[in-house]
Amino acid sequence: MRALLQRVSEASVSVDGETVGAIGAGLCAFVGVSHDDDIAAAERLAGKIWNLRVFDDADGVMNLPVGEAGGAVLVISQFTLYGDTRKGRRPSYVSAARPEQAEPLVTAVVERLRALGATVATGRFRAEMAVALVNDGPVTLSLEV
């Protein structure tokens, strides 16, 4: 599994003009699933997102994870994270899992984050989503488990 994380001061996702998920300060996590992923990978990714120390402590050092910083997580499924652009001009998505496999694993990431104590908002799987965010820092990181 892959995630592109952005530390945000706020983020939201809309479908057909309706906001379906929104957070204040925290992390916006775009999550991609490949054919080889399973529940264990989803749980590892959730743990990595929850425990990654990317928020400033009292000394201004990135030393706090999202929960200790009082933040939330917005999880958005993003199959394009597995787009292969090495050949030609059109990305190939053959490494991305089919929706039937990906949706339960993205849900597992969300459920594990909530079990760890996170406040989580989500997008809508298989929908055309409009994502708005204010990147804080900017801090953007790529994770792979």
C-alpha atoms as a PDB file:
ATOM      1  CA  MET A   1       0.000   0.000   0.000  1.00  0.00           C
ATOM      2  CA  ARG A   2       1.022   3.546  -0.622  1.00  0.00           C
ATOM      3  CA  ALA A   3      -0.003   6.836   0.892  1.00  0.00           C
ATOM      4  CA  LEU A   4       0.773  10.388  -0.013  1.00  0.00           C
ATOM      5  CA  LEU A   5       0.498  12.420   3.198  1.00  0.00           C
ATOM      6  CA  GLN A   6       0.126  16.147   3.393  1.00  0.00           C
ATOM      7  CA  ARG A   7       0.182  17.995   6.679  1.00  0.00           C
ATOM      8  CA  VAL A   8      -2.744  20.400   6.448  1.00  0.00           C
ATOM      9  CA  SER A   9      -4.273  23.257   8.355  1.00  0.00           C
ATOM     10  CA  GLU A  10      -7.601  22.189   6.820  1.00  0.00           C
ATOM     11  CA  ALA A  11      -8.859  19.807   4.152  1.00  0.00           C
ATOM     12  CA  SER A  12     -12.162  18.724   2.674  1.00  0.00           C
ATOM     13  CA  VAL A  13     -13.526  16.476  -0.039  1.00  0.00           C
ATOM     14  CA  SER A  14     -16.718  17.026  -2.002  1.00  0.00           C
ATOM     15  CA  VAL A  15     -18.798  14.859  -4.307  1.00  0.00           C
ATOM     16  CA  ASP A  16     -21.286  16.549  -6.649  1.00  0.00           C
ATOM     17  CA  GLY A  17     -20.905  19.809  -4.713  1.00  0.00           C
ATOM     18  CA  GLU A  18     -21.650  18.199  -1.335  1.00  0.00           C
ATOM     19  CA  THR A  19     -18.912  18.055   1.313  1.00  0.00           C
ATOM     20  CA  VAL A  20     -18.593  14.421   2.358  1.00  0.00           C
ATOM     21  CA  GLY A  21     -15.514  14.754   4.579  1.00  0.00           C
ATOM     22  CA  ALA A  22     -13.652  17.619   6.237  1.00  0.00           C
ATOM     23  CA  ILE A  23     -11.003  18.153   8.891  1.00  0.00           C
ATOM     24  CA  GLY A  24      -9.187  21.057  10.478  1.00  0.00           C
ATOM     25  CA  ALA A  25      -5.493  20.640  11.245  1.00  0.00           C
ATOM     26  CA  GLY A  26      -4.083  17.185  10.637  1.00  0.00           C
ATOM     27  CA  LEU A  27      -3.131  14.912   7.769  1.00  0.00           C
ATOM     28  CA  CYS A  28      -4.679  14.415   4.371  1.00  0.00           C
ATOM     29  CA  ALA A  29      -3.851  10.835   3.359  1.00  0.00           C
ATOM     30  CA  PHE A  30      -4.285   9.769  -0.248  1.00  0.00           C
ATOM     31  CA  VAL A  31      -4.235   5.950  -0.109  1.00  0.00           C
ATOM     32  CA  GLY A  32      -3.467   3.569  -2.964  1.00  0.00           C
ATOM     33  CA  VAL A  33      -3.815  -0.207  -2.992  1.00  0.00           C
ATOM     34  CA  SER A  34      -1.962  -2.741  -5.157  1.00  0.00           C
ATOM     35  CA  HIS A  35      -2.735  -6.375  -5.998  1.00  0.00           C
ATOM     36  CA  ASP A  36      -0.293  -7.627  -3.359  1.00  0.00           C
ATOM     37  CA  ASP A  37      -1.847  -5.765  -0.433  1.00  0.00           C
ATOM     38  CA  ASP A  38      -3.814  -7.318   2.411  1.00  0.00           C
ATOM     39  CA  ILE A  39      -5.316  -6.458   5.804  1.00  0.00           C
ATOM     40  CA  ALA A  40      -1.887  -6.630   7.467  1.00  0.00           C
ATOM     41  CA  ALA A  41      -0.580  -3.990   5.045  1.00  0.00           C
ATOM     42  CA  ALA A  42      -3.618  -1.795   5.765  1.00  0.00           C
ATOM     43  CA  GLU A  43      -2.977  -2.023   9.494  1.00  0.00           C
ATOM     44  CA  ARG A  44       0.738  -1.249   9.063  1.00  0.00           C
ATOM     45  CA  LEU A  45      -0.092   1.780   6.921  1.00  0.00           C
ATOM     46  CA  ALA A  46      -2.598   3.070   9.464  1.00  0.00           C
ATOM     47  CA  GLY A  47      -0.015   2.678  12.226  1.00  0.00           C
ATOM     48  CA  LYS A  48       2.571   4.536  10.178  1.00  0.00           C
ATOM     49  CA  ILE A  49       0.143   7.391   9.457  1.00  0.00           C
ATOM     50  CA  TRP A  50      -0.897   7.625  13.123  1.00  0.00           C
ATOM     51  CA  ASN A  51       2.627   7.504  14.542  1.00  0.00           C
ATOM     52  CA  LEU A  52       4.605   9.527  11.990  1.00  0.00           C
ATOM     53  CA  ARG A  53       6.156  12.487  13.806  1.00  0.00           C
ATOM     54  CA  VAL A  54       5.518  15.429  11.465  1.00  0.00           C
ATOM     55  CA  PHE A  55       3.990  18.032  13.787  1.00  0.00           C
ATOM     56  CA  ASP A  56       5.957  20.604  15.756  1.00  0.00           C
ATOM     57  CA  ASP A  57       6.536  20.191  19.457  1.00  0.00           C
ATOM     58  CA  ALA A  58       6.934  23.103  21.896  1.00  0.00           C
ATOM     59  CA  ASP A  59      10.467  23.687  20.568  1.00  0.00           C
ATOM     60  CA  GLY A  60       9.325  23.910  16.944  1.00  0.00           C
ATOM     61  CA  VAL A  61      10.791  20.516  16.030  1.00  0.00           C
ATOM     62  CA  MET A  62       8.752  17.993  14.014  1.00  0.00           C
ATOM     63  CA  ASN A  63       8.503  15.541  16.873  1.00  0.00           C
ATOM     64  CA  LEU A  64       4.776  14.860  17.391  1.00  0.00           C
ATOM     65  CA  PRO A  65       2.417  12.453  15.652  1.00  0.00           C
ATOM     66  CA  VAL A  66      -0.987  13.654  14.490  1.00  0.00           C
ATOM     67  CA  GLY A  67      -2.852  12.450  17.590  1.00  0.00           C
ATOM     68  CA  GLU A  68      -0.507  14.135  20.055  1.00  0.00           C
ATOM     69  CA  ALA A  69      -0.771  17.327  18.026  1.00  0.00           C
ATOM     70  CA  GLY A  70      -4.570  17.212  18.304  1.00  0.00           C
ATOM     71  CA  GLY A  71      -5.078  16.637  14.597  1.00  0.00           C
ATOM     72  CA  ALA A  72      -7.433  14.541  12.489  1.00  0.00           C
ATOM     73  CA  VAL A  73      -6.954  12.472   9.342  1.00  0.00           C
ATOM     74  CA  LEU A  74      -8.782  12.775   6.025  1.00  0.00           C
ATOM     75  CA  VAL A  75      -8.435   9.497   4.080  1.00  0.00           C
ATOM     76  CA  ILE A  76      -9.047   9.553   0.334  1.00  0.00           C
ATOM     77  CA  SER A  77      -8.755   6.490  -1.870  1.00  0.00           C
ATOM     78  CA  GLN A  78      -6.442   7.202  -4.817  1.00  0.00           C
ATOM     79  CA  PHE A  79      -5.702   4.417  -7.301  1.00  0.00           C
ATOM     80  CA  THR A  80      -3.556   6.811  -9.353  1.00  0.00           C
ATOM     81  CA  LEU A  81      -0.774   6.432  -6.764  1.00  0.00           C
ATOM     82  CA  TYR A  82      -0.031   3.203  -8.625  1.00  0.00           C
ATOM     83  CA  GLY A  83       0.126   4.901 -12.012  1.00  0.00           C
ATOM     84  CA  ASP A  84       3.233   3.820 -13.926  1.00  0.00           C
ATOM     85  CA  THR A  85       4.593   6.661 -16.061  1.00  0.00           C
ATOM     86  CA  ARG A  86       7.837   5.059 -17.182  1.00  0.00           C
ATOM     87  CA  LYS A  87       6.652   4.414 -20.755  1.00  0.00           C
ATOM     88  CA  GLY A  88       4.689   6.609 -23.107  1.00  0.00           C
ATOM     89  CA  ARG A  89       2.525   9.546 -22.182  1.00  0.00           C
ATOM     90  CA  ARG A  90      -0.431   7.758 -20.612  1.00  0.00           C
ATOM     91  CA  PRO A  91      -0.039   6.229 -17.127  1.00  0.00           C
ATOM     92  CA  SER A  92      -0.657   2.511 -16.779  1.00  0.00           C
ATOM     93  CA  TYR A  93      -2.702   1.437 -13.770  1.00  0.00           C
ATOM     94  CA  VAL A  94      -2.115  -2.322 -14.002  1.00  0.00           C
ATOM     95  CA  SER A  95      -0.476  -2.329 -10.550  1.00  0.00           C
ATOM     96  CA  ALA A  96      -3.516  -0.762  -8.888  1.00  0.00           C
ATOM     97  CA  ALA A  97      -5.904  -3.177  -7.206  1.00  0.00           C
ATOM     98  CA  ARG A  98      -9.400  -3.604  -8.593  1.00  0.00           C
ATOM     99  CA  PRO A  99     -12.098  -1.741  -6.634  1.00  0.00           C
ATOM    100  CA  GLU A 100     -13.432  -4.986  -5.142  1.00  0.00           C
ATOM    101  CA  GLN A 101     -10.052  -5.548  -3.448  1.00  0.00           C
ATOM    102  CA  ALA A 102      -9.128  -1.912  -2.780  1.00  0.00           C
ATOM    103  CA  GLU A 103     -12.288  -0.672  -1.074  1.00  0.00           C
ATOM    104  CA  PRO A 104     -12.178  -3.098   1.890  1.00  0.00           C
ATOM    105  CA  LEU A 105      -8.480  -2.332   2.421  1.00  0.00           C
ATOM    106  CA  VAL A 106      -8.991   1.438   2.417  1.00  0.00           C
ATOM    107  CA  THR A 107     -11.854   0.848   4.860  1.00  0.00           C
ATOM    108  CA  ALA A 108      -9.485  -1.229   6.992  1.00  0.00           C
ATOM    109  CA  VAL A 109      -7.024   1.698   7.116  1.00  0.00           C
ATOM    110  CA  VAL A 110      -9.837   3.988   8.294  1.00  0.00           C
ATOM    111  CA  GLU A 111     -11.074   1.494  10.896  1.00  0.00           C
ATOM    112  CA  ARG A 112      -7.562   0.908  12.247  1.00  0.00           C
ATOM    113  CA  LEU A 113      -6.911   4.648  12.504  1.00  0.00           C
ATOM    114  CA  ARG A 114     -10.146   5.037  14.465  1.00  0.00           C
ATOM    115  CA  ALA A 115      -9.182   2.121  16.721  1.00  0.00           C
ATOM    116  CA  LEU A 116      -5.891   3.903  17.422  1.00  0.00           C
ATOM    117  CA  GLY A 117      -7.840   6.992  18.511  1.00  0.00           C
ATOM    118  CA  ALA A 118      -7.913   9.097  15.357  1.00  0.00           C
ATOM    119  CA  THR A 119     -10.730  11.349  14.289  1.00  0.00           C
ATOM    120  CA  VAL A 120     -11.124  10.306  10.647  1.00  0.00           C
ATOM    121  CA  ALA A 121     -13.073  11.775   7.747  1.00  0.00           C
ATOM    122  CA  THR A 122     -13.201  10.111   4.343  1.00  0.00           C
ATOM    123  CA  GLY A 123     -13.946  10.637   0.735  1.00  0.00           C
ATOM    124  CA  ARG A 124     -16.382   8.450  -1.176  1.00  0.00           C
ATOM    125  CA  PHE A 125     -14.985   5.362  -2.865  1.00  0.00           C
ATOM    126  CA  ARG A 126     -15.369   5.247  -6.686  1.00  0.00           C
ATOM    127  CA  ALA A 127     -16.709   8.817  -6.840  1.00  0.00           C
ATOM    128  CA  GLU A 128     -15.359  11.825  -8.691  1.00  0.00           C
ATOM    129  CA  MET A 129     -14.063  13.852  -5.752  1.00  0.00           C
ATOM    130  CA  ALA A 130     -12.979  17.459  -5.458  1.00  0.00           C
ATOM    131  CA  VAL A 131     -10.316  17.796  -2.765  1.00  0.00           C
ATOM    132  CA  ALA A 132      -9.482  21.147  -1.193  1.00  0.00           C
ATOM    133  CA  LEU A 133      -6.617  21.505   1.238  1.00  0.00           C
ATOM    134  CA  VAL A 134      -4.209  23.976   2.708  1.00  0.00           C
ATOM    135  CA  ASN A 135      -0.811  22.323   2.933  1.00  0.00           C
ATOM    136  CA  ASP A 136       0.882  23.293   6.202  1.00  0.00           C
ATOM    137  CA  GLY A 137       4.622  23.750   5.933  1.00  0.00           C
ATOM    138  CA  PRO A 138       4.441  22.529   3.252  1.00  0.00           C
ATOM    139  CA  VAL A 139       4.976  18.988   4.474  1.00  0.00           C
ATOM    140  CA  THR A 140       4.315  16.222   1.954  1.00  0.00           C
ATOM    141  CA  LEU A 141       5.561  12.657   2.407  1.00  0.00           C
ATOM    142  CA  SER A 142       5.246   9.417   0.499  1.00  0.00           C
ATOM    143  CA  LEU A 143       4.762   6.205   2.501  1.00  0.00           C
ATOM    144  CA  GLU A 144       4.925   2.623   1.346  1.00  0.00           C
ATOM    145  CA  VAL A 145       4.379  -0.507   3.438  1.00  0.00           C
END
